[in-house]
Amino acid sequence: MCEAKQATAELGNFMWECCNLARALLELGRDDEAQEWLERGRETAPTAEPLPQMLWRQLRAKLLARRGEHAEAEWLAREAVALGEDTDMLDAQGNAHADLAEVLLLAGKPPEAASALEQALERYERKGNLASAQRVKARLTELQDAAPR
């Protein structure tokens, strides 16, 4: 599908398809393939639109964090969050905070990750995105249960 979008010069759609494929590959643990598709999408991401700029930063941050490049990963994830704050896109903001939380967890910063998850939850609840809110609540519960007492 991605190649079809590229061949027909639907570059905006090509970017979304590539990034969505990269996200799915990340979920499957296929990081090298995710990196390849992410870069293909990033190259065509419109620079003036916050959502595409957020998306590639979020995905790249997760890839870097998995590779142990925590400082750069956190910087990119926080940049994505900042880009989202200038919009009214509550789901995108929630996703950026949730991805930041994942990056922070991989960096060994559970308290900061919990704070990012709370921010994600607040956005999802304001939006009425019950599925994402429930997923974040479950993750917060996991963090609280794992915290030393």
N, C-alpha and C. Protein backbone atom coordinates (compact mmCIF):
# COMPACT_ATOMS: atom_id res chain seq x y z
N MET A 1 0.82 -1.18 0.00
CA MET A 1 0.00 0.00 0.00
C MET A 1 0.87 1.26 0.00
N CYS A 2 1.95 1.26 0.79
CA CYS A 2 2.82 2.44 0.85
C CYS A 2 3.40 2.76 -0.52
N GLU A 3 3.88 1.71 -1.21
CA GLU A 3 4.46 1.95 -2.53
C GLU A 3 3.42 2.49 -3.50
N ALA A 4 2.17 2.04 -3.38
CA ALA A 4 1.11 2.53 -4.26
C ALA A 4 0.87 4.02 -4.03
N LYS A 5 0.88 4.43 -2.78
CA LYS A 5 0.70 5.85 -2.47
C LYS A 5 1.85 6.67 -3.04
N GLN A 6 3.07 6.15 -2.89
CA GLN A 6 4.23 6.87 -3.41
C GLN A 6 4.18 6.95 -4.93
N ALA A 7 3.80 5.87 -5.57
CA ALA A 7 3.77 5.83 -7.03
C ALA A 7 2.75 6.80 -7.61
N THR A 8 1.66 7.01 -6.89
CA THR A 8 0.62 7.92 -7.38
C THR A 8 0.81 9.33 -6.85
N ALA A 9 1.94 9.60 -6.25
CA ALA A 9 2.31 10.93 -5.74
C ALA A 9 1.39 11.42 -4.63
N GLU A 10 0.76 10.50 -3.90
CA GLU A 10 -0.03 10.88 -2.74
C GLU A 10 0.91 10.91 -1.53
N LEU A 11 1.81 11.90 -1.52
CA LEU A 11 2.87 11.89 -0.53
C LEU A 11 2.37 12.10 0.89
N GLY A 12 1.32 12.89 1.06
CA GLY A 12 0.76 13.04 2.40
C GLY A 12 0.26 11.71 2.92
N ASN A 13 -0.48 11.01 2.08
CA ASN A 13 -0.96 9.68 2.46
C ASN A 13 0.19 8.70 2.60
N PHE A 14 1.19 8.83 1.76
CA PHE A 14 2.37 7.96 1.83
C PHE A 14 3.02 8.09 3.20
N MET A 15 3.15 9.33 3.68
CA MET A 15 3.76 9.56 4.98
C MET A 15 2.96 8.86 6.08
N TRP A 16 1.63 9.01 6.06
CA TRP A 16 0.80 8.38 7.08
C TRP A 16 0.89 6.87 7.02
N GLU A 17 0.84 6.33 5.82
CA GLU A 17 0.92 4.87 5.68
C GLU A 17 2.26 4.35 6.19
N CYS A 18 3.32 5.04 5.85
CA CYS A 18 4.65 4.61 6.31
C CYS A 18 4.75 4.65 7.83
N CYS A 19 4.29 5.74 8.42
CA CYS A 19 4.38 5.88 9.88
C CYS A 19 3.47 4.90 10.59
N ASN A 20 2.29 4.65 10.04
CA ASN A 20 1.39 3.66 10.65
C ASN A 20 1.99 2.26 10.55
N LEU A 21 2.63 1.97 9.42
CA LEU A 21 3.30 0.68 9.28
C LEU A 21 4.47 0.60 10.27
N ALA A 22 5.22 1.67 10.40
CA ALA A 22 6.33 1.69 11.35
C ALA A 22 5.84 1.45 12.78
N ARG A 23 4.72 2.09 13.15
CA ARG A 23 4.16 1.90 14.49
C ARG A 23 3.77 0.43 14.70
N ALA A 24 3.13 -0.17 13.71
CA ALA A 24 2.74 -1.58 13.82
C ALA A 24 3.97 -2.48 13.95
N LEU A 25 4.98 -2.20 13.16
CA LEU A 25 6.21 -2.99 13.23
C LEU A 25 6.90 -2.85 14.59
N LEU A 26 6.85 -1.65 15.16
CA LEU A 26 7.40 -1.44 16.50
C LEU A 26 6.66 -2.32 17.51
N GLU A 27 5.34 -2.35 17.41
CA GLU A 27 4.54 -3.16 18.32
C GLU A 27 4.88 -4.63 18.21
N LEU A 28 5.30 -5.05 17.03
CA LEU A 28 5.69 -6.44 16.80
C LEU A 28 7.15 -6.72 17.16
N GLY A 29 7.88 -5.65 17.55
CA GLY A 29 9.29 -5.82 17.90
C GLY A 29 10.20 -5.91 16.69
N ARG A 30 9.72 -5.49 15.55
CA ARG A 30 10.52 -5.54 14.32
C ARG A 30 11.11 -4.16 14.07
N ASP A 31 12.02 -3.77 14.95
CA ASP A 31 12.55 -2.41 14.99
C ASP A 31 13.30 -1.99 13.72
N ASP A 32 14.08 -2.89 13.14
CA ASP A 32 14.83 -2.53 11.93
C ASP A 32 13.90 -2.17 10.78
N GLU A 33 12.86 -2.97 10.61
CA GLU A 33 11.89 -2.67 9.56
C GLU A 33 11.12 -1.38 9.88
N ALA A 34 10.80 -1.20 11.15
CA ALA A 34 10.10 0.02 11.56
C ALA A 34 10.95 1.24 11.23
N GLN A 35 12.24 1.15 11.50
CA GLN A 35 13.16 2.26 11.21
C GLN A 35 13.14 2.61 9.73
N GLU A 36 13.16 1.59 8.89
CA GLU A 36 13.17 1.80 7.44
C GLU A 36 11.90 2.55 7.00
N TRP A 37 10.74 2.09 7.45
CA TRP A 37 9.49 2.73 7.04
C TRP A 37 9.33 4.11 7.66
N LEU A 38 9.81 4.26 8.89
CA LEU A 38 9.75 5.57 9.53
C LEU A 38 10.54 6.60 8.73
N GLU A 39 11.73 6.24 8.33
CA GLU A 39 12.57 7.17 7.56
C GLU A 39 11.94 7.52 6.22
N ARG A 40 11.32 6.54 5.59
CA ARG A 40 10.64 6.82 4.32
C ARG A 40 9.49 7.80 4.53
N GLY A 41 8.76 7.63 5.60
CA GLY A 41 7.66 8.55 5.90
C GLY A 41 8.14 9.92 6.32
N ARG A 42 9.18 9.94 7.16
CA ARG A 42 9.71 11.22 7.66
C ARG A 42 10.18 12.11 6.52
N GLU A 43 10.75 11.50 5.52
CA GLU A 43 11.26 12.28 4.38
C GLU A 43 10.16 13.04 3.65
N THR A 44 8.93 12.57 3.74
CA THR A 44 7.83 13.22 3.04
C THR A 44 6.88 13.95 3.98
N ALA A 45 7.20 14.01 5.27
CA ALA A 45 6.33 14.67 6.25
C ALA A 45 6.27 16.17 6.00
N PRO A 46 5.08 16.72 5.88
CA PRO A 46 4.95 18.17 5.69
C PRO A 46 5.53 18.91 6.90
N THR A 47 6.40 19.86 6.65
CA THR A 47 7.08 20.55 7.74
C THR A 47 6.19 21.54 8.46
N ALA A 48 5.16 22.04 7.82
CA ALA A 48 4.32 23.06 8.43
C ALA A 48 3.15 22.47 9.23
N GLU A 49 2.98 21.17 9.21
CA GLU A 49 1.86 20.55 9.91
C GLU A 49 2.36 19.86 11.18
N PRO A 50 1.78 20.20 12.34
CA PRO A 50 2.29 19.63 13.59
C PRO A 50 2.10 18.12 13.73
N LEU A 51 0.97 17.58 13.29
CA LEU A 51 0.73 16.16 13.51
C LEU A 51 1.76 15.26 12.84
N PRO A 52 2.09 15.46 11.56
CA PRO A 52 3.14 14.62 10.98
C PRO A 52 4.49 14.80 11.68
N GLN A 53 4.79 16.02 12.08
CA GLN A 53 6.05 16.27 12.77
C GLN A 53 6.07 15.59 14.14
N MET A 54 4.93 15.56 14.80
CA MET A 54 4.83 14.86 16.08
C MET A 54 5.03 13.36 15.88
N LEU A 55 4.32 12.83 14.90
CA LEU A 55 4.30 11.39 14.70
C LEU A 55 5.69 10.81 14.44
N TRP A 56 6.43 11.42 13.53
CA TRP A 56 7.74 10.82 13.25
C TRP A 56 8.67 10.95 14.45
N ARG A 57 8.53 12.06 15.22
CA ARG A 57 9.37 12.22 16.41
C ARG A 57 9.03 11.17 17.47
N GLN A 58 7.74 10.91 17.66
CA GLN A 58 7.32 9.91 18.63
C GLN A 58 7.87 8.54 18.28
N LEU A 59 7.75 8.16 17.03
CA LEU A 59 8.21 6.84 16.61
C LEU A 59 9.73 6.73 16.69
N ARG A 60 10.40 7.76 16.25
CA ARG A 60 11.88 7.75 16.31
C ARG A 60 12.35 7.69 17.76
N ALA A 61 11.66 8.43 18.63
CA ALA A 61 12.03 8.42 20.06
C ALA A 61 11.91 7.01 20.63
N LYS A 62 10.84 6.31 20.29
CA LYS A 62 10.67 4.95 20.80
C LYS A 62 11.76 4.02 20.28
N LEU A 63 12.10 4.17 19.01
CA LEU A 63 13.19 3.36 18.45
C LEU A 63 14.51 3.63 19.16
N LEU A 64 14.81 4.90 19.34
CA LEU A 64 16.07 5.26 20.01
C LEU A 64 16.11 4.75 21.44
N ALA A 65 14.99 4.87 22.14
CA ALA A 65 14.94 4.41 23.53
C ALA A 65 15.18 2.91 23.61
N ARG A 66 14.63 2.17 22.68
CA ARG A 66 14.85 0.72 22.66
C ARG A 66 16.31 0.38 22.41
N ARG A 67 17.01 1.27 21.73
CA ARG A 67 18.43 1.04 21.44
C ARG A 67 19.34 1.58 22.55
N GLY A 68 18.74 2.14 23.58
CA GLY A 68 19.52 2.66 24.70
C GLY A 68 20.00 4.09 24.52
N GLU A 69 19.54 4.76 23.48
CA GLU A 69 19.93 6.15 23.24
C GLU A 69 18.90 7.06 23.92
N HIS A 70 18.92 7.02 25.25
CA HIS A 70 17.86 7.62 26.04
C HIS A 70 17.80 9.15 25.98
N ALA A 71 18.92 9.82 25.99
CA ALA A 71 18.89 11.28 25.99
C ALA A 71 18.24 11.83 24.72
N GLU A 72 18.67 11.33 23.57
CA GLU A 72 18.08 11.80 22.31
C GLU A 72 16.62 11.37 22.19
N ALA A 73 16.32 10.17 22.67
CA ALA A 73 14.94 9.69 22.62
C ALA A 73 14.02 10.58 23.44
N GLU A 74 14.45 10.91 24.64
CA GLU A 74 13.63 11.77 25.51
C GLU A 74 13.47 13.15 24.90
N TRP A 75 14.53 13.67 24.33
CA TRP A 75 14.46 14.99 23.70
C TRP A 75 13.44 15.00 22.57
N LEU A 76 13.48 13.99 21.70
CA LEU A 76 12.52 13.92 20.59
C LEU A 76 11.09 13.73 21.09
N ALA A 77 10.91 12.89 22.10
CA ALA A 77 9.57 12.66 22.64
C ALA A 77 9.01 13.93 23.26
N ARG A 78 9.85 14.66 23.97
CA ARG A 78 9.39 15.92 24.57
C ARG A 78 9.11 16.98 23.50
N GLU A 79 9.87 16.94 22.43
CA GLU A 79 9.62 17.84 21.30
C GLU A 79 8.25 17.54 20.68
N ALA A 80 7.92 16.28 20.54
CA ALA A 80 6.60 15.89 20.00
C ALA A 80 5.49 16.38 20.92
N VAL A 81 5.66 16.23 22.22
CA VAL A 81 4.67 16.72 23.17
C VAL A 81 4.49 18.23 23.03
N ALA A 82 5.60 18.95 22.93
CA ALA A 82 5.53 20.41 22.80
C ALA A 82 4.81 20.82 21.52
N LEU A 83 5.07 20.13 20.43
CA LEU A 83 4.37 20.43 19.17
C LEU A 83 2.86 20.24 19.33
N GLY A 84 2.48 19.21 20.05
CA GLY A 84 1.07 18.92 20.25
C GLY A 84 0.36 19.94 21.12
N GLU A 85 1.08 20.52 22.06
CA GLU A 85 0.45 21.46 22.98
C GLU A 85 -0.05 22.72 22.27
N ASP A 86 0.48 23.00 21.12
CA ASP A 86 0.03 24.17 20.35
C ASP A 86 -1.17 23.86 19.47
N THR A 87 -1.77 22.67 19.64
CA THR A 87 -2.91 22.27 18.83
C THR A 87 -4.11 22.00 19.74
N ASP A 88 -5.24 21.72 19.11
CA ASP A 88 -6.43 21.30 19.87
C ASP A 88 -6.70 19.81 19.67
N MET A 89 -5.71 19.07 19.23
CA MET A 89 -5.85 17.64 18.93
C MET A 89 -5.57 16.81 20.19
N LEU A 90 -6.61 16.59 20.97
CA LEU A 90 -6.45 15.92 22.26
C LEU A 90 -5.94 14.49 22.13
N ASP A 91 -6.42 13.74 21.14
CA ASP A 91 -5.92 12.37 20.95
C ASP A 91 -4.43 12.37 20.61
N ALA A 92 -4.04 13.25 19.72
CA ALA A 92 -2.62 13.33 19.34
C ALA A 92 -1.77 13.73 20.54
N GLN A 93 -2.28 14.66 21.34
CA GLN A 93 -1.55 15.05 22.55
C GLN A 93 -1.43 13.86 23.51
N GLY A 94 -2.54 13.13 23.68
CA GLY A 94 -2.50 11.96 24.55
C GLY A 94 -1.51 10.92 24.05
N ASN A 95 -1.51 10.69 22.74
CA ASN A 95 -0.56 9.74 22.16
C ASN A 95 0.88 10.18 22.39
N ALA A 96 1.14 11.46 22.24
CA ALA A 96 2.51 11.97 22.44
C ALA A 96 2.94 11.77 23.90
N HIS A 97 2.05 12.05 24.83
CA HIS A 97 2.38 11.85 26.25
C HIS A 97 2.57 10.36 26.56
N ALA A 98 1.74 9.51 25.98
CA ALA A 98 1.87 8.06 26.21
C ALA A 98 3.20 7.55 25.64
N ASP A 99 3.58 8.03 24.47
CA ASP A 99 4.86 7.62 23.90
C ASP A 99 6.03 8.16 24.72
N LEU A 100 5.90 9.39 25.23
CA LEU A 100 6.93 9.92 26.13
C LEU A 100 7.06 9.02 27.35
N ALA A 101 5.94 8.57 27.88
CA ALA A 101 5.99 7.68 29.04
C ALA A 101 6.77 6.41 28.73
N GLU A 102 6.54 5.84 27.56
CA GLU A 102 7.27 4.63 27.19
C GLU A 102 8.77 4.90 27.11
N VAL A 103 9.15 6.02 26.54
CA VAL A 103 10.56 6.41 26.45
C VAL A 103 11.15 6.58 27.84
N LEU A 104 10.42 7.24 28.73
CA LEU A 104 10.90 7.46 30.09
C LEU A 104 11.04 6.16 30.87
N LEU A 105 10.13 5.24 30.66
CA LEU A 105 10.24 3.93 31.32
C LEU A 105 11.50 3.20 30.86
N LEU A 106 11.75 3.24 29.56
CA LEU A 106 12.95 2.57 29.05
C LEU A 106 14.22 3.24 29.56
N ALA A 107 14.13 4.51 29.91
CA ALA A 107 15.27 5.24 30.46
C ALA A 107 15.39 5.06 31.97
N GLY A 108 14.49 4.28 32.56
CA GLY A 108 14.54 4.03 34.00
C GLY A 108 14.01 5.17 34.83
N LYS A 109 12.99 5.86 34.33
CA LYS A 109 12.41 7.00 35.04
C LYS A 109 10.91 6.78 35.29
N PRO A 110 10.56 5.79 36.11
CA PRO A 110 9.14 5.48 36.32
C PRO A 110 8.30 6.64 36.87
N PRO A 111 8.79 7.45 37.81
CA PRO A 111 7.93 8.55 38.29
C PRO A 111 7.59 9.56 37.19
N GLU A 112 8.56 9.88 36.34
CA GLU A 112 8.30 10.79 35.23
C GLU A 112 7.37 10.14 34.21
N ALA A 113 7.53 8.84 34.01
CA ALA A 113 6.65 8.11 33.09
C ALA A 113 5.21 8.15 33.60
N ALA A 114 5.02 7.97 34.90
CA ALA A 114 3.68 8.01 35.47
C ALA A 114 3.06 9.39 35.26
N SER A 115 3.85 10.42 35.43
CA SER A 115 3.35 11.78 35.20
C SER A 115 2.92 11.98 33.74
N ALA A 116 3.71 11.46 32.81
CA ALA A 116 3.36 11.56 31.39
C ALA A 116 2.09 10.77 31.10
N LEU A 117 1.93 9.61 31.73
CA LEU A 117 0.71 8.82 31.54
C LEU A 117 -0.50 9.56 32.11
N GLU A 118 -0.33 10.24 33.23
CA GLU A 118 -1.44 11.03 33.79
C GLU A 118 -1.85 12.14 32.83
N GLN A 119 -0.87 12.75 32.17
CA GLN A 119 -1.18 13.77 31.18
C GLN A 119 -1.92 13.16 29.98
N ALA A 120 -1.48 11.98 29.56
CA ALA A 120 -2.16 11.29 28.45
C ALA A 120 -3.60 10.98 28.85
N LEU A 121 -3.78 10.46 30.04
CA LEU A 121 -5.11 10.11 30.52
C LEU A 121 -6.03 11.32 30.54
N GLU A 122 -5.52 12.44 31.00
CA GLU A 122 -6.33 13.66 31.05
C GLU A 122 -6.80 14.05 29.66
N ARG A 123 -5.93 13.97 28.66
CA ARG A 123 -6.31 14.31 27.28
C ARG A 123 -7.35 13.33 26.73
N TYR A 124 -7.10 12.05 26.94
CA TYR A 124 -8.04 11.05 26.44
C TYR A 124 -9.42 11.20 27.07
N GLU A 125 -9.45 11.47 28.36
CA GLU A 125 -10.74 11.64 29.03
C GLU A 125 -11.46 12.88 28.54
N ARG A 126 -10.73 13.98 28.35
CA ARG A 126 -11.36 15.19 27.81
C ARG A 126 -11.92 14.93 26.42
N LYS A 127 -11.23 14.15 25.63
CA LYS A 127 -11.67 13.84 24.27
C LYS A 127 -12.83 12.84 24.27
N GLY A 128 -12.93 12.05 25.33
CA GLY A 128 -13.94 10.99 25.37
C GLY A 128 -13.45 9.71 24.73
N ASN A 129 -12.14 9.57 24.60
CA ASN A 129 -11.52 8.37 24.03
C ASN A 129 -11.38 7.33 25.14
N LEU A 130 -12.46 6.58 25.35
CA LEU A 130 -12.52 5.64 26.47
C LEU A 130 -11.54 4.48 26.33
N ALA A 131 -11.33 4.00 25.11
CA ALA A 131 -10.41 2.87 24.91
C ALA A 131 -8.98 3.25 25.29
N SER A 132 -8.53 4.40 24.82
CA SER A 132 -7.17 4.83 25.14
C SER A 132 -7.05 5.18 26.62
N ALA A 133 -8.09 5.79 27.18
CA ALA A 133 -8.08 6.12 28.61
C ALA A 133 -7.96 4.84 29.44
N GLN A 134 -8.69 3.81 29.08
CA GLN A 134 -8.64 2.55 29.82
C GLN A 134 -7.26 1.91 29.71
N ARG A 135 -6.67 1.95 28.53
CA ARG A 135 -5.32 1.39 28.34
C ARG A 135 -4.30 2.11 29.22
N VAL A 136 -4.41 3.44 29.29
CA VAL A 136 -3.48 4.23 30.10
C VAL A 136 -3.71 3.97 31.60
N LYS A 137 -4.97 3.85 32.00
CA LYS A 137 -5.26 3.55 33.41
C LYS A 137 -4.63 2.22 33.80
N ALA A 138 -4.74 1.24 32.93
CA ALA A 138 -4.14 -0.08 33.20
C ALA A 138 -2.63 0.04 33.34
N ARG A 139 -2.03 0.83 32.48
CA ARG A 139 -0.56 1.00 32.53
C ARG A 139 -0.16 1.72 33.82
N LEU A 140 -0.94 2.72 34.23
CA LEU A 140 -0.67 3.42 35.49
C LEU A 140 -0.77 2.47 36.68
N THR A 141 -1.75 1.61 36.65
CA THR A 141 -1.91 0.62 37.72
C THR A 141 -0.70 -0.31 37.77
N GLU A 142 -0.22 -0.75 36.60
CA GLU A 142 0.98 -1.60 36.54
C GLU A 142 2.17 -0.89 37.18
N LEU A 143 2.33 0.39 36.83
CA LEU A 143 3.46 1.16 37.40
C LEU A 143 3.34 1.28 38.91
N GLN A 144 2.14 1.56 39.39
CA GLN A 144 1.94 1.70 40.83
C GLN A 144 2.19 0.39 41.55
N ASP A 145 1.75 -0.72 40.95
CA ASP A 145 1.96 -2.03 41.56
C ASP A 145 3.44 -2.42 41.57
N ALA A 146 4.19 -1.96 40.59
CA ALA A 146 5.61 -2.30 40.49
C ALA A 146 6.50 -1.38 41.33
N ALA A 147 5.94 -0.26 41.77
CA ALA A 147 6.74 0.72 42.54
C ALA A 147 7.15 0.14 43.88
N PRO A 148 8.39 0.41 44.29
CA PRO A 148 8.85 -0.06 45.60
C PRO A 148 8.06 0.65 46.70
N ARG A 149 7.81 -0.08 47.74
CA ARG A 149 7.01 0.49 48.85
C ARG A 149 7.83 0.75 50.06
